[in-house]
Amino acid sequence: MKCFPVPFGGSGVCVEVDECFLTRRKYHKGRRMKTDTVTLFGIYERDTKLGFHFQVKDKSTAVLISEIQRFLLPGSLPT
């Protein structure tokens, strides 16, 4: 059974939104490789303690704002 994310937040509900960049270095030395970088985007609702995360291919402002509008209900309180 697959679980699809439902919209989070609502009027007066505290919601955390965060992004994380993961990268890998060979033998933990040297410069970071751009091809190995993964961007994760996460949403967490404090009241219900529910959340989810997913991978974002493009970390531009337009993409991140569209994802926030897609998964957050209007009136949510950012923290």
PDB file of N, CA and C in Angstrom:
ATOM      1  N   MET A   1       0.843  -1.178   0.000  1.00  0.00           N
ATOM      2  CA  MET A   1       0.000   0.000   0.000  1.00  0.00           C
ATOM      3  C   MET A   1       0.884   1.236   0.000  1.00  0.00           C
ATOM      4  N   LYS A   2       0.667   2.130  -0.948  1.00  0.00           N
ATOM      5  CA  LYS A   2       1.423   3.373  -1.017  1.00  0.00           C
ATOM      6  C   LYS A   2       0.714   4.460  -0.227  1.00  0.00           C
ATOM      7  N   CYS A   3       1.499   5.273   0.439  1.00  0.00           N
ATOM      8  CA  CYS A   3       0.954   6.382   1.209  1.00  0.00           C
ATOM      9  C   CYS A   3       1.359   7.679   0.525  1.00  0.00           C
ATOM     10  N   PHE A   4       0.392   8.422   0.051  1.00  0.00           N
ATOM     11  CA  PHE A   4       0.674   9.681  -0.613  1.00  0.00           C
ATOM     12  C   PHE A   4       0.512  10.818   0.379  1.00  0.00           C
ATOM     13  N   PRO A   5       1.367  11.836   0.319  1.00  0.00           N
ATOM     14  CA  PRO A   5       1.271  12.935   1.266  1.00  0.00           C
ATOM     15  C   PRO A   5      -0.010  13.738   1.056  1.00  0.00           C
ATOM     16  N   VAL A   6      -0.614  14.092   2.143  1.00  0.00           N
ATOM     17  CA  VAL A   6      -1.808  14.929   2.118  1.00  0.00           C
ATOM     18  C   VAL A   6      -1.394  16.337   2.504  1.00  0.00           C
ATOM     19  N   PRO A   7      -2.192  17.343   2.192  1.00  0.00           N
ATOM     20  CA  PRO A   7      -1.826  18.710   2.582  1.00  0.00           C
ATOM     21  C   PRO A   7      -1.701  18.843   4.094  1.00  0.00           C
ATOM     22  N   PHE A   8      -0.706  19.571   4.540  1.00  0.00           N
ATOM     23  CA  PHE A   8      -0.430  19.793   5.950  1.00  0.00           C
ATOM     24  C   PHE A   8      -0.833  21.200   6.337  1.00  0.00           C
ATOM     25  N   GLY A   9      -0.944  21.405   7.638  1.00  0.00           N
ATOM     26  CA  GLY A   9      -1.197  22.737   8.159  1.00  0.00           C
ATOM     27  C   GLY A   9      -2.667  23.085   8.172  1.00  0.00           C
ATOM     28  N   GLY A  10      -2.925  24.348   8.069  1.00  0.00           N
ATOM     29  CA  GLY A  10      -4.276  24.883   8.133  1.00  0.00           C
ATOM     30  C   GLY A  10      -4.256  26.155   8.949  1.00  0.00           C
ATOM     31  N   SER A  11      -5.405  26.634   9.278  1.00  0.00           N
ATOM     32  CA  SER A  11      -5.513  27.885  10.013  1.00  0.00           C
ATOM     33  C   SER A  11      -4.955  27.743  11.418  1.00  0.00           C
ATOM     34  N   GLY A  12      -3.843  28.432  11.697  1.00  0.00           N
ATOM     35  CA  GLY A  12      -3.244  28.446  13.026  1.00  0.00           C
ATOM     36  C   GLY A  12      -2.408  27.235  13.399  1.00  0.00           C
ATOM     37  N   VAL A  13      -2.076  26.367  12.458  1.00  0.00           N
ATOM     38  CA  VAL A  13      -1.284  25.166  12.734  1.00  0.00           C
ATOM     39  C   VAL A  13       0.187  25.457  12.428  1.00  0.00           C
ATOM     40  N   CYS A  14       1.091  25.106  13.373  1.00  0.00           N
ATOM     41  CA  CYS A  14       2.524  25.323  13.187  1.00  0.00           C
ATOM     42  C   CYS A  14       3.107  24.234  12.295  1.00  0.00           C
ATOM     43  N   VAL A  15       3.827  24.658  11.269  1.00  0.00           N
ATOM     44  CA  VAL A  15       4.423  23.738  10.299  1.00  0.00           C
ATOM     45  C   VAL A  15       5.878  24.135  10.074  1.00  0.00           C
ATOM     46  N   GLU A  16       6.769  23.142  10.067  1.00  0.00           N
ATOM     47  CA  GLU A  16       8.181  23.375   9.761  1.00  0.00           C
ATOM     48  C   GLU A  16       8.460  22.915   8.336  1.00  0.00           C
ATOM     49  N   VAL A  17       9.174  23.734   7.583  1.00  0.00           N
ATOM     50  CA  VAL A  17       9.587  23.403   6.223  1.00  0.00           C
ATOM     51  C   VAL A  17      11.091  23.572   6.168  1.00  0.00           C
ATOM     52  N   ASP A  18      11.792  22.563   5.646  1.00  0.00           N
ATOM     53  CA  ASP A  18      13.249  22.622   5.627  1.00  0.00           C
ATOM     54  C   ASP A  18      13.784  21.882   4.418  1.00  0.00           C
ATOM     55  N   GLU A  19      14.971  22.269   3.996  1.00  0.00           N
ATOM     56  CA  GLU A  19      15.641  21.558   2.919  1.00  0.00           C
ATOM     57  C   GLU A  19      17.009  21.108   3.420  1.00  0.00           C
ATOM     58  N   CYS A  20      17.496  20.023   2.848  1.00  0.00           N
ATOM     59  CA  CYS A  20      18.753  19.430   3.275  1.00  0.00           C
ATOM     60  C   CYS A  20      19.531  19.018   2.032  1.00  0.00           C
ATOM     61  N   PHE A  21      20.820  19.263   2.028  1.00  0.00           N
ATOM     62  CA  PHE A  21      21.678  18.894   0.908  1.00  0.00           C
ATOM     63  C   PHE A  21      22.604  17.772   1.343  1.00  0.00           C
ATOM     64  N   LEU A  22      22.540  16.663   0.662  1.00  0.00           N
ATOM     65  CA  LEU A  22      23.383  15.517   0.966  1.00  0.00           C
ATOM     66  C   LEU A  22      24.395  15.338  -0.145  1.00  0.00           C
ATOM     67  N   THR A  23      25.627  15.087   0.225  1.00  0.00           N
ATOM     68  CA  THR A  23      26.676  14.883  -0.764  1.00  0.00           C
ATOM     69  C   THR A  23      27.612  13.796  -0.259  1.00  0.00           C
ATOM     70  N   ARG A  24      28.385  13.271  -1.164  1.00  0.00           N
ATOM     71  CA  ARG A  24      29.300  12.189  -0.810  1.00  0.00           C
ATOM     72  C   ARG A  24      30.685  12.535  -1.348  1.00  0.00           C
ATOM     73  N   ARG A  25      31.693  12.297  -0.534  1.00  0.00           N
ATOM     74  CA  ARG A  25      33.069  12.501  -0.964  1.00  0.00           C
ATOM     75  C   ARG A  25      33.816  11.181  -0.892  1.00  0.00           C
ATOM     76  N   LYS A  26      34.646  10.946  -1.833  1.00  0.00           N
ATOM     77  CA  LYS A  26      35.417   9.711  -1.860  1.00  0.00           C
ATOM     78  C   LYS A  26      36.463   9.751  -0.749  1.00  0.00           C
ATOM     79  N   TYR A  27      36.445   8.752   0.093  1.00  0.00           N
ATOM     80  CA  TYR A  27      37.362   8.634   1.234  1.00  0.00           C
ATOM     81  C   TYR A  27      37.277   9.831   2.176  1.00  0.00           C
ATOM     82  N   HIS A  28      36.156  10.543   2.159  1.00  0.00           N
ATOM     83  CA  HIS A  28      35.914  11.696   3.015  1.00  0.00           C
ATOM     84  C   HIS A  28      36.955  12.797   2.822  1.00  0.00           C
ATOM     85  N   LYS A  29      37.535  12.894   1.619  1.00  0.00           N
ATOM     86  CA  LYS A  29      38.535  13.914   1.346  1.00  0.00           C
ATOM     87  C   LYS A  29      38.228  14.588   0.016  1.00  0.00           C
ATOM     88  N   GLY A  30      38.829  15.757  -0.170  1.00  0.00           N
ATOM     89  CA  GLY A  30      38.710  16.435  -1.448  1.00  0.00           C
ATOM     90  C   GLY A  30      37.472  17.313  -1.544  1.00  0.00           C
ATOM     91  N   ARG A  31      37.255  17.799  -2.743  1.00  0.00           N
ATOM     92  CA  ARG A  31      36.139  18.709  -2.957  1.00  0.00           C
ATOM     93  C   ARG A  31      34.842  17.934  -3.156  1.00  0.00           C
ATOM     94  N   ARG A  32      33.733  18.631  -2.930  1.00  0.00           N
ATOM     95  CA  ARG A  32      32.426  18.011  -3.119  1.00  0.00           C
ATOM     96  C   ARG A  32      32.115  17.914  -4.605  1.00  0.00           C
ATOM     97  N   MET A  33      31.508  16.833  -4.995  1.00  0.00           N
ATOM     98  CA  MET A  33      31.137  16.628  -6.385  1.00  0.00           C
ATOM     99  C   MET A  33      29.696  17.081  -6.592  1.00  0.00           C
ATOM    100  N   LYS A  34      29.458  17.923  -7.579  1.00  0.00           N
ATOM    101  CA  LYS A  34      28.116  18.422  -7.825  1.00  0.00           C
ATOM    102  C   LYS A  34      27.170  17.332  -8.318  1.00  0.00           C
ATOM    103  N   THR A  35      27.698  16.322  -8.987  1.00  0.00           N
ATOM    104  CA  THR A  35      26.837  15.275  -9.528  1.00  0.00           C
ATOM    105  C   THR A  35      26.300  14.361  -8.438  1.00  0.00           C
ATOM    106  N   ASP A  36      26.946  14.321  -7.275  1.00  0.00           N
ATOM    107  CA  ASP A  36      26.524  13.444  -6.202  1.00  0.00           C
ATOM    108  C   ASP A  36      25.620  14.140  -5.189  1.00  0.00           C
ATOM    109  N   THR A  37      25.282  15.409  -5.404  1.00  0.00           N
ATOM    110  CA  THR A  37      24.487  16.144  -4.443  1.00  0.00           C
ATOM    111  C   THR A  37      23.006  15.819  -4.611  1.00  0.00           C
ATOM    112  N   VAL A  38      22.351  15.524  -3.486  1.00  0.00           N
ATOM    113  CA  VAL A  38      20.917  15.241  -3.463  1.00  0.00           C
ATOM    114  C   VAL A  38      20.262  16.288  -2.575  1.00  0.00           C
ATOM    115  N   THR A  39      19.152  16.861  -3.032  1.00  0.00           N
ATOM    116  CA  THR A  39      18.421  17.838  -2.252  1.00  0.00           C
ATOM    117  C   THR A  39      17.135  17.202  -1.736  1.00  0.00           C
ATOM    118  N   LEU A  40      16.964  17.205  -0.405  1.00  0.00           N
ATOM    119  CA  LEU A  40      15.746  16.706   0.219  1.00  0.00           C
ATOM    120  C   LEU A  40      14.947  17.888   0.747  1.00  0.00           C
ATOM    121  N   PHE A  41      13.643  17.792   0.615  1.00  0.00           N
ATOM    122  CA  PHE A  41      12.728  18.830   1.060  1.00  0.00           C
ATOM    123  C   PHE A  41      11.755  18.180   2.025  1.00  0.00           C
ATOM    124  N   GLY A  42      11.604  18.729   3.223  1.00  0.00           N
ATOM    125  CA  GLY A  42      10.758  18.103   4.225  1.00  0.00           C
ATOM    126  C   GLY A  42       9.746  19.049   4.827  1.00  0.00           C
ATOM    127  N   ILE A  43       8.600  18.484   5.219  1.00  0.00           N
ATOM    128  CA  ILE A  43       7.534  19.239   5.872  1.00  0.00           C
ATOM    129  C   ILE A  43       7.131  18.461   7.125  1.00  0.00           C
ATOM    130  N   TYR A  44       7.004  19.160   8.258  1.00  0.00           N
ATOM    131  CA  TYR A  44       6.680  18.524   9.535  1.00  0.00           C
ATOM    132  C   TYR A  44       5.629  19.370  10.252  1.00  0.00           C
ATOM    133  N   GLU A  45       4.578  18.735  10.691  1.00  0.00           N
ATOM    134  CA  GLU A  45       3.517  19.421  11.420  1.00  0.00           C
ATOM    135  C   GLU A  45       3.712  19.161  12.905  1.00  0.00           C
ATOM    136  N   ARG A  46       3.921  20.202  13.672  1.00  0.00           N
ATOM    137  CA  ARG A  46       4.253  20.058  15.092  1.00  0.00           C
ATOM    138  C   ARG A  46       3.104  19.501  15.931  1.00  0.00           C
ATOM    139  N   ASP A  47       1.889  19.894  15.654  1.00  0.00           N
ATOM    140  CA  ASP A  47       0.761  19.465  16.491  1.00  0.00           C
ATOM    141  C   ASP A  47       0.502  17.968  16.387  1.00  0.00           C
ATOM    142  N   THR A  48       0.488  17.442  15.174  1.00  0.00           N
ATOM    143  CA  THR A  48       0.194  16.020  14.980  1.00  0.00           C
ATOM    144  C   THR A  48       1.449  15.160  14.933  1.00  0.00           C
ATOM    145  N   LYS A  49       2.623  15.807  14.872  1.00  0.00           N
ATOM    146  CA  LYS A  49       3.918  15.125  14.772  1.00  0.00           C
ATOM    147  C   LYS A  49       4.001  14.224  13.548  1.00  0.00           C
ATOM    148  N   LEU A  50       3.378  14.672  12.461  1.00  0.00           N
ATOM    149  CA  LEU A  50       3.448  13.966  11.194  1.00  0.00           C
ATOM    150  C   LEU A  50       4.263  14.785  10.211  1.00  0.00           C
ATOM    151  N   GLY A  51       4.920  14.094   9.302  1.00  0.00           N
ATOM    152  CA  GLY A  51       5.701  14.790   8.295  1.00  0.00           C
ATOM    153  C   GLY A  51       6.141  13.842   7.206  1.00  0.00           C
ATOM    154  N   PHE A  52       6.793  14.387   6.215  1.00  0.00           N
ATOM    155  CA  PHE A  52       7.331  13.577   5.135  1.00  0.00           C
ATOM    156  C   PHE A  52       8.450  14.353   4.458  1.00  0.00           C
ATOM    157  N   HIS A  53       9.229  13.661   3.670  1.00  0.00           N
ATOM    158  CA  HIS A  53      10.279  14.306   2.903  1.00  0.00           C
ATOM    159  C   HIS A  53      10.340  13.661   1.521  1.00  0.00           C
ATOM    160  N   PHE A  54      10.871  14.405   0.572  1.00  0.00           N
ATOM    161  CA  PHE A  54      10.993  13.903  -0.788  1.00  0.00           C
ATOM    162  C   PHE A  54      12.176  14.584  -1.454  1.00  0.00           C
ATOM    163  N   GLN A  55      12.650  13.979  -2.520  1.00  0.00           N
ATOM    164  CA  GLN A  55      13.798  14.506  -3.237  1.00  0.00           C
ATOM    165  C   GLN A  55      13.345  15.528  -4.274  1.00  0.00           C
ATOM    166  N   VAL A  56      14.081  16.630  -4.357  1.00  0.00           N
ATOM    167  CA  VAL A  56      13.806  17.689  -5.326  1.00  0.00           C
ATOM    168  C   VAL A  56      14.974  17.731  -6.300  1.00  0.00           C
ATOM    169  N   LYS A  57      14.681  17.657  -7.575  1.00  0.00           N
ATOM    170  CA  LYS A  57      15.750  17.676  -8.580  1.00  0.00           C
ATOM    171  C   LYS A  57      16.337  19.071  -8.756  1.00  0.00           C
ATOM    172  N   ASP A  58      15.482  20.089  -8.699  1.00  0.00           N
ATOM    173  CA  ASP A  58      15.909  21.466  -8.915  1.00  0.00           C
ATOM    174  C   ASP A  58      15.624  22.257  -7.642  1.00  0.00           C
ATOM    175  N   LYS A  59      16.626  22.915  -7.075  1.00  0.00           N
ATOM    176  CA  LYS A  59      16.438  23.634  -5.820  1.00  0.00           C
ATOM    177  C   LYS A  59      16.237  25.131  -6.022  1.00  0.00           C
ATOM    178  N   SER A  60      15.704  25.513  -7.163  1.00  0.00           N
ATOM    179  CA  SER A  60      15.453  26.928  -7.422  1.00  0.00           C
ATOM    180  C   SER A  60      14.277  27.413  -6.580  1.00  0.00           C
ATOM    181  N   THR A  61      14.194  28.707  -6.408  1.00  0.00           N
ATOM    182  CA  THR A  61      13.144  29.302  -5.597  1.00  0.00           C
ATOM    183  C   THR A  61      11.762  28.983  -6.134  1.00  0.00           C
ATOM    184  N   ALA A  62      11.595  29.031  -7.438  1.00  0.00           N
ATOM    185  CA  ALA A  62      10.283  28.775  -8.043  1.00  0.00           C
ATOM    186  C   ALA A  62       9.800  27.358  -7.754  1.00  0.00           C
ATOM    187  N   VAL A  63      10.694  26.394  -7.829  1.00  0.00           N
ATOM    188  CA  VAL A  63      10.319  25.000  -7.570  1.00  0.00           C
ATOM    189  C   VAL A  63       9.958  24.804  -6.107  1.00  0.00           C
ATOM    190  N   LEU A  64      10.759  25.336  -5.199  1.00  0.00           N
ATOM    191  CA  LEU A  64      10.493  25.163  -3.771  1.00  0.00           C
ATOM    192  C   LEU A  64       9.198  25.857  -3.351  1.00  0.00           C
ATOM    193  N   ILE A  65       8.917  27.027  -3.885  1.00  0.00           N
ATOM    194  CA  ILE A  65       7.665  27.715  -3.563  1.00  0.00           C
ATOM    195  C   ILE A  65       6.469  26.939  -4.096  1.00  0.00           C
ATOM    196  N   SER A  66       6.584  26.367  -5.282  1.00  0.00           N
ATOM    197  CA  SER A  66       5.467  25.585  -5.829  1.00  0.00           C
ATOM    198  C   SER A  66       5.223  24.329  -4.987  1.00  0.00           C
ATOM    199  N   GLU A  67       6.285  23.703  -4.453  1.00  0.00           N
ATOM    200  CA  GLU A  67       6.118  22.538  -3.589  1.00  0.00           C
ATOM    201  C   GLU A  67       5.472  22.925  -2.258  1.00  0.00           C
ATOM    202  N   ILE A  68       5.836  24.086  -1.720  1.00  0.00           N
ATOM    203  CA  ILE A  68       5.219  24.558  -0.484  1.00  0.00           C
ATOM    204  C   ILE A  68       3.733  24.804  -0.709  1.00  0.00           C
ATOM    205  N   GLN A  69       3.375  25.443  -1.802  1.00  0.00           N
ATOM    206  CA  GLN A  69       1.969  25.701  -2.093  1.00  0.00           C
ATOM    207  C   GLN A  69       1.207  24.419  -2.365  1.00  0.00           C
ATOM    208  N   ARG A  70       1.878  23.412  -2.883  1.00  0.00           N
ATOM    209  CA  ARG A  70       1.240  22.140  -3.192  1.00  0.00           C
ATOM    210  C   ARG A  70       0.895  21.345  -1.928  1.00  0.00           C
ATOM    211  N   PHE A  71       1.747  21.414  -0.904  1.00  0.00           N
ATOM    212  CA  PHE A  71       1.575  20.573   0.264  1.00  0.00           C
ATOM    213  C   PHE A  71       1.103  21.290   1.523  1.00  0.00           C
ATOM    214  N   LEU A  72       1.100  22.629   1.555  1.00  0.00           N
ATOM    215  CA  LEU A  72       0.654  23.357   2.733  1.00  0.00           C
ATOM    216  C   LEU A  72      -0.669  24.048   2.461  1.00  0.00           C
ATOM    217  N   LEU A  73      -1.560  23.963   3.444  1.00  0.00           N
ATOM    218  CA  LEU A  73      -2.832  24.631   3.355  1.00  0.00           C
ATOM    219  C   LEU A  73      -2.659  26.108   3.714  1.00  0.00           C
ATOM    220  N   PRO A  74      -3.461  26.986   3.141  1.00  0.00           N
ATOM    221  CA  PRO A  74      -3.369  28.420   3.496  1.00  0.00           C
ATOM    222  C   PRO A  74      -3.670  28.647   4.972  1.00  0.00           C
ATOM    223  N   GLY A  75      -2.976  29.595   5.565  1.00  0.00           N
ATOM    224  CA  GLY A  75      -3.167  29.924   6.973  1.00  0.00           C
ATOM    225  C   GLY A  75      -2.226  29.204   7.911  1.00  0.00           C
ATOM    226  N   SER A  76      -1.312  28.369   7.379  1.00  0.00           N
ATOM    227  CA  SER A  76      -0.349  27.666   8.217  1.00  0.00           C
ATOM    228  C   SER A  76       0.656  28.642   8.794  1.00  0.00           C
ATOM    229  N   LEU A  77       1.111  28.370  10.007  1.00  0.00           N
ATOM    230  CA  LEU A  77       2.103  29.230  10.655  1.00  0.00           C
ATOM    231  C   LEU A  77       3.487  28.629  10.493  1.00  0.00           C
ATOM    232  N   PRO A  78       4.401  29.295   9.769  1.00  0.00           N
ATOM    233  CA  PRO A  78       5.750  28.764   9.634  1.00  0.00           C
ATOM    234  C   PRO A  78       6.549  28.993  10.905  1.00  0.00           C
ATOM    235  N   THR A  79       7.426  28.030  11.218  1.00  0.00           N
ATOM    236  CA  THR A  79       8.295  28.184  12.390  1.00  0.00           C
ATOM    237  C   THR A  79       9.732  28.037  11.997  1.00  0.00           C
TER     238      THR A  79
END
